[in-house]
């Protein structure tokens, strides 16, 4: 009796993980159709933009900006501190964006308790750019 329930519970648990949890942490488990993928990326972008606009925490700001820019440049997503730090290092070398972008975000990431509102504002503006062209314009004006 109990082993059947345990198996059912395990299957339910695995189904729940596949359907709900893995995407939430940036692990794309099921293969999504283009429409679903686009919707999920748009929802994630909006959530990150809200975080970017409402936060005064340097770490939240630089991480949200790095993920937003990565999503824009690579059309993918990333989650988790370790992965986002790797993405930040990649942004500094990214050919599709100005070197200034990666440097500016890295500068904020290295100053977690900085009260430099100008630096925070620059990173927020870069992160909220609508596309690569807008990002290039922002970076050139802010450098």
N, C-alpha and C. Protein backbone atom coordinates (compact mmCIF):
# COMPACT_ATOMS: atom_id res chain seq x y z
N UNK A 1 0.81 -1.19 0.00
CA UNK A 1 0.00 0.00 0.00
C UNK A 1 0.85 1.25 0.00
N UNK A 2 1.78 1.40 0.97
CA UNK A 2 2.54 2.64 1.10
C UNK A 2 3.48 2.89 -0.08
N UNK A 3 4.05 1.80 -0.65
CA UNK A 3 4.99 2.00 -1.76
C UNK A 3 4.29 2.59 -2.98
N UNK A 4 3.03 2.23 -3.20
CA UNK A 4 2.29 2.81 -4.31
C UNK A 4 2.08 4.30 -4.07
N UNK A 5 1.70 4.67 -2.84
CA UNK A 5 1.52 6.08 -2.51
C UNK A 5 2.82 6.85 -2.64
N UNK A 6 3.91 6.24 -2.19
CA UNK A 6 5.21 6.91 -2.30
C UNK A 6 5.57 7.13 -3.76
N UNK A 7 5.30 6.13 -4.61
CA UNK A 7 5.60 6.26 -6.05
C UNK A 7 4.73 7.35 -6.66
N UNK A 8 3.43 7.36 -6.31
CA UNK A 8 2.55 8.41 -6.81
C UNK A 8 3.00 9.77 -6.34
N UNK A 9 3.38 9.86 -5.07
CA UNK A 9 3.85 11.14 -4.53
C UNK A 9 5.13 11.59 -5.23
N UNK A 10 6.01 10.63 -5.51
CA UNK A 10 7.25 10.97 -6.20
C UNK A 10 6.94 11.48 -7.61
N UNK A 11 6.05 10.79 -8.31
CA UNK A 11 5.69 11.23 -9.65
C UNK A 11 5.03 12.60 -9.62
N UNK A 12 4.16 12.83 -8.63
CA UNK A 12 3.52 14.14 -8.49
C UNK A 12 4.57 15.21 -8.20
N UNK A 13 5.52 14.87 -7.33
CA UNK A 13 6.58 15.80 -6.98
C UNK A 13 7.43 16.14 -8.21
N UNK A 14 7.81 15.12 -8.97
CA UNK A 14 8.61 15.36 -10.18
C UNK A 14 7.83 16.18 -11.20
N UNK A 15 6.55 15.90 -11.34
CA UNK A 15 5.71 16.69 -12.25
C UNK A 15 5.67 18.14 -11.79
N UNK A 16 5.50 18.34 -10.48
CA UNK A 16 5.48 19.71 -9.93
C UNK A 16 6.80 20.42 -10.20
N UNK A 17 7.92 19.73 -9.99
CA UNK A 17 9.23 20.32 -10.28
C UNK A 17 9.34 20.74 -11.74
N UNK A 18 8.98 19.83 -12.64
CA UNK A 18 9.08 20.11 -14.07
C UNK A 18 8.21 21.29 -14.48
N UNK A 19 7.01 21.33 -13.95
CA UNK A 19 6.04 22.34 -14.38
C UNK A 19 6.23 23.70 -13.71
N UNK A 20 6.76 23.72 -12.48
CA UNK A 20 6.76 24.96 -11.72
C UNK A 20 8.12 25.46 -11.26
N UNK A 21 8.92 24.58 -10.75
CA UNK A 21 10.12 25.03 -10.04
C UNK A 21 11.34 25.24 -10.92
N UNK A 22 11.61 24.34 -11.83
CA UNK A 22 12.85 24.43 -12.59
C UNK A 22 12.92 25.70 -13.42
N UNK A 23 11.84 26.10 -14.04
CA UNK A 23 11.85 27.34 -14.81
C UNK A 23 12.06 28.55 -13.91
N UNK A 24 11.54 28.48 -12.70
CA UNK A 24 11.67 29.60 -11.76
C UNK A 24 13.11 29.87 -11.39
N UNK A 25 13.94 28.85 -11.40
CA UNK A 25 15.35 29.03 -11.04
C UNK A 25 16.26 29.04 -12.26
N UNK A 26 15.66 29.16 -13.44
CA UNK A 26 16.46 29.31 -14.63
C UNK A 26 16.89 28.04 -15.31
N UNK A 27 16.30 26.90 -14.93
CA UNK A 27 16.64 25.64 -15.58
C UNK A 27 15.47 25.26 -16.49
N UNK A 28 15.65 25.44 -17.78
CA UNK A 28 14.55 25.12 -18.69
C UNK A 28 14.41 23.62 -18.86
N UNK A 29 13.48 23.02 -18.16
CA UNK A 29 13.32 21.57 -18.24
C UNK A 29 12.50 21.16 -19.46
N UNK A 30 11.24 21.58 -19.53
CA UNK A 30 10.49 21.18 -20.72
C UNK A 30 10.88 22.06 -21.91
N UNK A 31 10.79 21.50 -23.08
CA UNK A 31 11.04 22.29 -24.27
C UNK A 31 9.80 23.12 -24.53
N UNK A 32 9.97 24.42 -24.61
CA UNK A 32 8.84 25.32 -24.76
C UNK A 32 8.64 25.70 -26.22
N UNK A 33 7.41 25.95 -26.57
CA UNK A 33 7.17 26.49 -27.89
C UNK A 33 7.58 27.96 -27.87
N UNK A 34 7.80 28.52 -29.04
CA UNK A 34 8.30 29.90 -29.14
C UNK A 34 7.40 30.91 -28.44
N UNK A 35 6.09 30.72 -28.56
CA UNK A 35 5.13 31.65 -27.95
C UNK A 35 5.25 31.64 -26.42
N UNK A 36 5.34 30.46 -25.84
CA UNK A 36 5.48 30.34 -24.38
C UNK A 36 6.81 30.90 -23.91
N UNK A 37 7.85 30.58 -24.66
CA UNK A 37 9.19 31.07 -24.30
C UNK A 37 9.23 32.60 -24.32
N UNK A 38 8.65 33.16 -25.36
CA UNK A 38 8.62 34.62 -25.49
C UNK A 38 7.85 35.27 -24.34
N UNK A 39 6.72 34.65 -23.98
CA UNK A 39 5.90 35.16 -22.89
C UNK A 39 6.66 35.10 -21.56
N UNK A 40 7.32 33.98 -21.32
CA UNK A 40 8.08 33.82 -20.07
C UNK A 40 9.21 34.83 -20.00
N UNK A 41 9.93 35.02 -21.10
CA UNK A 41 11.02 36.01 -21.12
C UNK A 41 10.50 37.43 -20.91
N UNK A 42 9.34 37.74 -21.49
CA UNK A 42 8.74 39.07 -21.31
C UNK A 42 8.32 39.28 -19.85
N UNK A 43 7.73 38.25 -19.25
CA UNK A 43 7.32 38.35 -17.85
C UNK A 43 8.54 38.50 -16.94
N UNK A 44 9.58 37.75 -17.24
CA UNK A 44 10.80 37.85 -16.42
C UNK A 44 11.44 39.22 -16.58
N UNK A 45 11.46 39.73 -17.79
CA UNK A 45 12.01 41.07 -18.04
C UNK A 45 11.25 42.11 -17.24
N UNK A 46 9.93 42.02 -17.25
CA UNK A 46 9.11 42.99 -16.52
C UNK A 46 9.37 42.91 -15.01
N UNK A 47 9.48 41.70 -14.49
CA UNK A 47 9.76 41.52 -13.06
C UNK A 47 11.13 42.10 -12.70
N UNK A 48 12.12 41.87 -13.56
CA UNK A 48 13.46 42.41 -13.31
C UNK A 48 13.49 43.93 -13.41
N UNK A 49 12.75 44.48 -14.37
CA UNK A 49 12.67 45.94 -14.49
C UNK A 49 12.04 46.55 -13.25
N UNK A 50 11.00 45.92 -12.73
CA UNK A 50 10.36 46.41 -11.50
C UNK A 50 11.34 46.38 -10.34
N UNK A 51 12.10 45.29 -10.25
CA UNK A 51 13.11 45.17 -9.19
C UNK A 51 14.16 46.27 -9.34
N UNK A 52 14.59 46.48 -10.56
CA UNK A 52 15.62 47.47 -10.86
C UNK A 52 15.16 48.87 -10.47
N UNK A 53 13.91 49.20 -10.79
CA UNK A 53 13.37 50.53 -10.52
C UNK A 53 13.09 50.77 -9.04
N UNK A 54 12.72 49.72 -8.31
CA UNK A 54 12.30 49.91 -6.93
C UNK A 54 13.40 49.72 -5.89
N UNK A 55 14.50 49.11 -6.29
CA UNK A 55 15.53 48.77 -5.31
C UNK A 55 16.55 49.88 -5.09
N UNK A 56 17.07 49.91 -3.88
CA UNK A 56 18.18 50.80 -3.55
C UNK A 56 19.39 49.97 -3.14
N UNK A 57 19.27 48.66 -3.29
CA UNK A 57 20.33 47.73 -2.92
C UNK A 57 21.25 47.53 -4.13
N UNK A 58 22.51 47.86 -3.97
CA UNK A 58 23.47 47.78 -5.08
C UNK A 58 23.53 46.39 -5.71
N UNK A 59 23.51 45.36 -4.88
CA UNK A 59 23.60 44.01 -5.42
C UNK A 59 22.37 43.66 -6.26
N UNK A 60 21.19 44.02 -5.79
CA UNK A 60 19.97 43.77 -6.56
C UNK A 60 20.03 44.53 -7.88
N UNK A 61 20.49 45.76 -7.84
CA UNK A 61 20.55 46.60 -9.04
C UNK A 61 21.50 46.03 -10.07
N UNK A 62 22.74 45.73 -9.67
CA UNK A 62 23.69 45.25 -10.68
C UNK A 62 23.31 43.88 -11.20
N UNK A 63 22.77 43.02 -10.32
CA UNK A 63 22.38 41.68 -10.78
C UNK A 63 21.21 41.76 -11.76
N UNK A 64 20.21 42.57 -11.44
CA UNK A 64 19.06 42.71 -12.34
C UNK A 64 19.52 43.29 -13.68
N UNK A 65 20.38 44.30 -13.63
CA UNK A 65 20.88 44.91 -14.87
C UNK A 65 21.66 43.90 -15.71
N UNK A 66 22.52 43.12 -15.07
CA UNK A 66 23.32 42.12 -15.80
C UNK A 66 22.41 41.09 -16.46
N UNK A 67 21.40 40.61 -15.75
CA UNK A 67 20.49 39.61 -16.31
C UNK A 67 19.69 40.21 -17.46
N UNK A 68 19.20 41.43 -17.29
CA UNK A 68 18.42 42.09 -18.35
C UNK A 68 19.25 42.28 -19.62
N UNK A 69 20.48 42.72 -19.45
CA UNK A 69 21.35 42.95 -20.62
C UNK A 69 21.71 41.62 -21.27
N UNK A 70 21.99 40.62 -20.47
CA UNK A 70 22.30 39.29 -21.01
C UNK A 70 21.09 38.75 -21.79
N UNK A 71 19.91 38.91 -21.21
CA UNK A 71 18.69 38.44 -21.87
C UNK A 71 18.52 39.14 -23.22
N UNK A 72 18.83 40.41 -23.23
CA UNK A 72 18.69 41.20 -24.46
C UNK A 72 19.72 40.81 -25.53
N UNK A 73 20.96 40.65 -25.11
CA UNK A 73 22.05 40.39 -26.04
C UNK A 73 22.07 38.92 -26.51
N UNK A 74 21.80 38.00 -25.60
CA UNK A 74 21.91 36.57 -25.92
C UNK A 74 20.54 35.88 -26.06
N UNK A 75 19.48 36.63 -25.81
CA UNK A 75 18.11 36.10 -25.88
C UNK A 75 17.96 34.83 -25.04
N UNK A 76 18.57 34.85 -23.87
CA UNK A 76 18.47 33.75 -22.94
C UNK A 76 18.31 34.31 -21.55
N UNK A 77 18.21 33.45 -20.59
CA UNK A 77 18.08 33.93 -19.23
C UNK A 77 19.04 33.18 -18.32
N UNK A 78 19.26 33.75 -17.18
CA UNK A 78 20.18 33.18 -16.21
C UNK A 78 19.65 33.50 -14.82
N UNK A 79 19.93 32.62 -13.87
CA UNK A 79 19.48 32.84 -12.50
C UNK A 79 20.54 32.31 -11.54
N UNK A 80 20.52 32.81 -10.32
CA UNK A 80 21.46 32.36 -9.30
C UNK A 80 22.70 33.23 -9.25
N UNK A 81 23.15 33.52 -8.05
CA UNK A 81 24.30 34.41 -7.84
C UNK A 81 25.51 33.99 -8.66
N UNK A 82 25.87 32.72 -8.57
CA UNK A 82 27.08 32.24 -9.26
C UNK A 82 26.98 32.47 -10.77
N UNK A 83 25.86 32.08 -11.34
CA UNK A 83 25.66 32.22 -12.79
C UNK A 83 25.65 33.68 -13.21
N UNK A 84 25.03 34.52 -12.41
CA UNK A 84 24.95 35.95 -12.75
C UNK A 84 26.34 36.58 -12.69
N UNK A 85 27.16 36.16 -11.75
CA UNK A 85 28.54 36.67 -11.68
C UNK A 85 29.34 36.24 -12.92
N UNK A 86 29.10 35.04 -13.40
CA UNK A 86 29.76 34.58 -14.64
C UNK A 86 29.30 35.44 -15.81
N UNK A 87 28.00 35.71 -15.86
CA UNK A 87 27.44 36.54 -16.93
C UNK A 87 28.06 37.93 -16.89
N UNK A 88 28.24 38.49 -15.70
CA UNK A 88 28.86 39.81 -15.58
C UNK A 88 30.26 39.79 -16.21
N UNK A 89 31.03 38.76 -15.93
CA UNK A 89 32.36 38.66 -16.54
C UNK A 89 32.26 38.56 -18.06
N UNK A 90 31.24 37.86 -18.55
CA UNK A 90 31.05 37.75 -19.99
C UNK A 90 30.64 39.08 -20.61
N UNK A 91 29.84 39.87 -19.88
CA UNK A 91 29.40 41.16 -20.40
C UNK A 91 30.58 42.09 -20.65
N UNK A 92 31.61 41.97 -19.83
CA UNK A 92 32.79 42.82 -20.02
C UNK A 92 33.50 42.50 -21.34
N UNK A 93 33.31 41.27 -21.85
CA UNK A 93 33.97 40.84 -23.08
C UNK A 93 33.03 40.81 -24.27
N UNK A 94 31.76 41.07 -24.03
CA UNK A 94 30.74 40.96 -25.08
C UNK A 94 30.98 41.97 -26.20
N UNK A 95 31.01 41.48 -27.42
CA UNK A 95 31.29 42.33 -28.58
C UNK A 95 30.07 43.14 -29.02
N UNK A 96 28.87 42.69 -28.65
CA UNK A 96 27.66 43.36 -29.10
C UNK A 96 27.32 44.62 -28.28
N UNK A 97 28.05 44.82 -27.18
CA UNK A 97 27.79 45.99 -26.34
C UNK A 97 29.10 46.71 -26.04
N UNK A 98 28.97 47.96 -25.62
CA UNK A 98 30.14 48.76 -25.28
C UNK A 98 30.85 48.18 -24.06
N UNK A 99 32.17 48.24 -24.08
CA UNK A 99 32.98 47.78 -22.95
C UNK A 99 32.60 48.54 -21.67
N UNK A 100 32.15 49.77 -21.84
CA UNK A 100 31.76 50.62 -20.71
C UNK A 100 30.63 49.99 -19.90
N UNK A 101 29.73 49.30 -20.57
CA UNK A 101 28.57 48.70 -19.89
C UNK A 101 29.05 47.69 -18.85
N UNK A 102 29.86 46.73 -19.28
CA UNK A 102 30.37 45.72 -18.35
C UNK A 102 31.19 46.33 -17.24
N UNK A 103 32.03 47.31 -17.59
CA UNK A 103 32.88 47.97 -16.58
C UNK A 103 32.03 48.68 -15.52
N UNK A 104 30.99 49.36 -15.96
CA UNK A 104 30.14 50.13 -15.04
C UNK A 104 29.39 49.20 -14.09
N UNK A 105 28.85 48.12 -14.63
CA UNK A 105 28.12 47.17 -13.78
C UNK A 105 29.09 46.50 -12.81
N UNK A 106 30.27 46.13 -13.30
CA UNK A 106 31.28 45.49 -12.45
C UNK A 106 31.69 46.43 -11.31
N UNK A 107 31.81 47.70 -11.61
CA UNK A 107 32.19 48.70 -10.60
C UNK A 107 31.16 48.71 -9.47
N UNK A 108 29.88 48.67 -9.82
CA UNK A 108 28.84 48.64 -8.78
C UNK A 108 28.86 47.31 -8.03
N UNK A 109 29.14 46.22 -8.73
CA UNK A 109 29.18 44.91 -8.07
C UNK A 109 30.31 44.82 -7.05
N UNK A 110 31.36 45.57 -7.28
CA UNK A 110 32.52 45.56 -6.38
C UNK A 110 32.38 46.55 -5.23
N UNK A 111 31.27 47.30 -5.22
CA UNK A 111 31.05 48.30 -4.16
C UNK A 111 29.66 48.10 -3.54
N UNK A 112 29.47 46.97 -2.84
CA UNK A 112 28.13 46.65 -2.34
C UNK A 112 27.54 47.67 -1.38
N UNK A 113 28.38 48.42 -0.68
CA UNK A 113 27.84 49.39 0.27
C UNK A 113 28.01 50.83 -0.19
N UNK A 114 28.39 51.00 -1.45
CA UNK A 114 28.57 52.35 -1.99
C UNK A 114 27.25 53.12 -1.97
N UNK A 115 27.36 54.39 -1.68
CA UNK A 115 26.17 55.24 -1.70
C UNK A 115 26.22 56.16 -2.93
N UNK A 116 27.03 55.78 -3.91
CA UNK A 116 27.18 56.55 -5.14
C UNK A 116 25.90 56.43 -5.98
N UNK A 117 25.01 57.38 -5.81
CA UNK A 117 23.73 57.35 -6.52
C UNK A 117 23.92 57.47 -8.02
N UNK A 118 24.94 58.18 -8.45
CA UNK A 118 25.22 58.34 -9.87
C UNK A 118 25.54 56.99 -10.51
N UNK A 119 26.36 56.19 -9.83
CA UNK A 119 26.73 54.87 -10.35
C UNK A 119 25.50 53.96 -10.39
N UNK A 120 24.70 53.98 -9.32
CA UNK A 120 23.46 53.19 -9.29
C UNK A 120 22.54 53.57 -10.45
N UNK A 121 22.42 54.87 -10.66
CA UNK A 121 21.54 55.38 -11.73
C UNK A 121 22.03 54.92 -13.10
N UNK A 122 23.34 54.98 -13.33
CA UNK A 122 23.91 54.54 -14.60
C UNK A 122 23.59 53.08 -14.87
N UNK A 123 23.82 52.25 -13.85
CA UNK A 123 23.58 50.81 -14.01
C UNK A 123 22.09 50.55 -14.24
N UNK A 124 21.23 51.26 -13.52
CA UNK A 124 19.78 51.10 -13.70
C UNK A 124 19.36 51.49 -15.11
N UNK A 125 19.89 52.60 -15.60
CA UNK A 125 19.57 53.04 -16.96
C UNK A 125 20.02 52.02 -18.00
N UNK A 126 21.21 51.49 -17.81
CA UNK A 126 21.73 50.49 -18.75
C UNK A 126 20.85 49.24 -18.73
N UNK A 127 20.50 48.81 -17.55
CA UNK A 127 19.68 47.60 -17.41
C UNK A 127 18.29 47.76 -17.99
N UNK A 128 17.77 48.97 -17.97
CA UNK A 128 16.40 49.18 -18.45
C UNK A 128 16.34 49.57 -19.94
N UNK A 129 17.49 49.57 -20.61
CA UNK A 129 17.50 49.88 -22.05
C UNK A 129 16.63 48.88 -22.80
N UNK A 130 15.85 49.38 -23.75
CA UNK A 130 14.91 48.52 -24.49
C UNK A 130 15.59 47.57 -25.47
N UNK A 131 16.74 47.97 -26.00
CA UNK A 131 17.44 47.12 -26.96
C UNK A 131 18.92 47.51 -27.00
N UNK A 132 19.68 46.81 -27.81
CA UNK A 132 21.13 47.04 -27.87
C UNK A 132 21.48 48.43 -28.37
N UNK A 133 20.69 48.95 -29.29
CA UNK A 133 20.94 50.30 -29.81
C UNK A 133 20.72 51.34 -28.71
N UNK A 134 19.64 51.18 -27.95
CA UNK A 134 19.36 52.10 -26.83
C UNK A 134 20.45 51.98 -25.77
N UNK A 135 20.93 50.76 -25.53
CA UNK A 135 22.00 50.54 -24.57
C UNK A 135 23.27 51.24 -25.02
N UNK A 136 23.59 51.15 -26.30
CA UNK A 136 24.78 51.81 -26.84
C UNK A 136 24.67 53.32 -26.67
N UNK A 137 23.49 53.87 -26.92
CA UNK A 137 23.27 55.31 -26.76
C UNK A 137 23.46 55.73 -25.30
N UNK A 138 22.86 54.97 -24.40
CA UNK A 138 22.99 55.27 -22.96
C UNK A 138 24.45 55.20 -22.54
N UNK A 139 25.14 54.14 -22.94
CA UNK A 139 26.54 53.96 -22.56
C UNK A 139 27.41 55.10 -23.08
N UNK A 140 27.17 55.56 -24.30
CA UNK A 140 27.99 56.63 -24.84
C UNK A 140 27.71 57.95 -24.13
N UNK A 141 26.48 58.18 -23.73
CA UNK A 141 26.14 59.42 -23.02
C UNK A 141 26.67 59.42 -21.59
N UNK A 142 26.75 58.24 -20.99
CA UNK A 142 27.15 58.17 -19.59
C UNK A 142 28.65 58.02 -19.39
N UNK A 143 29.38 57.72 -20.44
CA UNK A 143 30.83 57.50 -20.26
C UNK A 143 31.61 58.79 -20.34
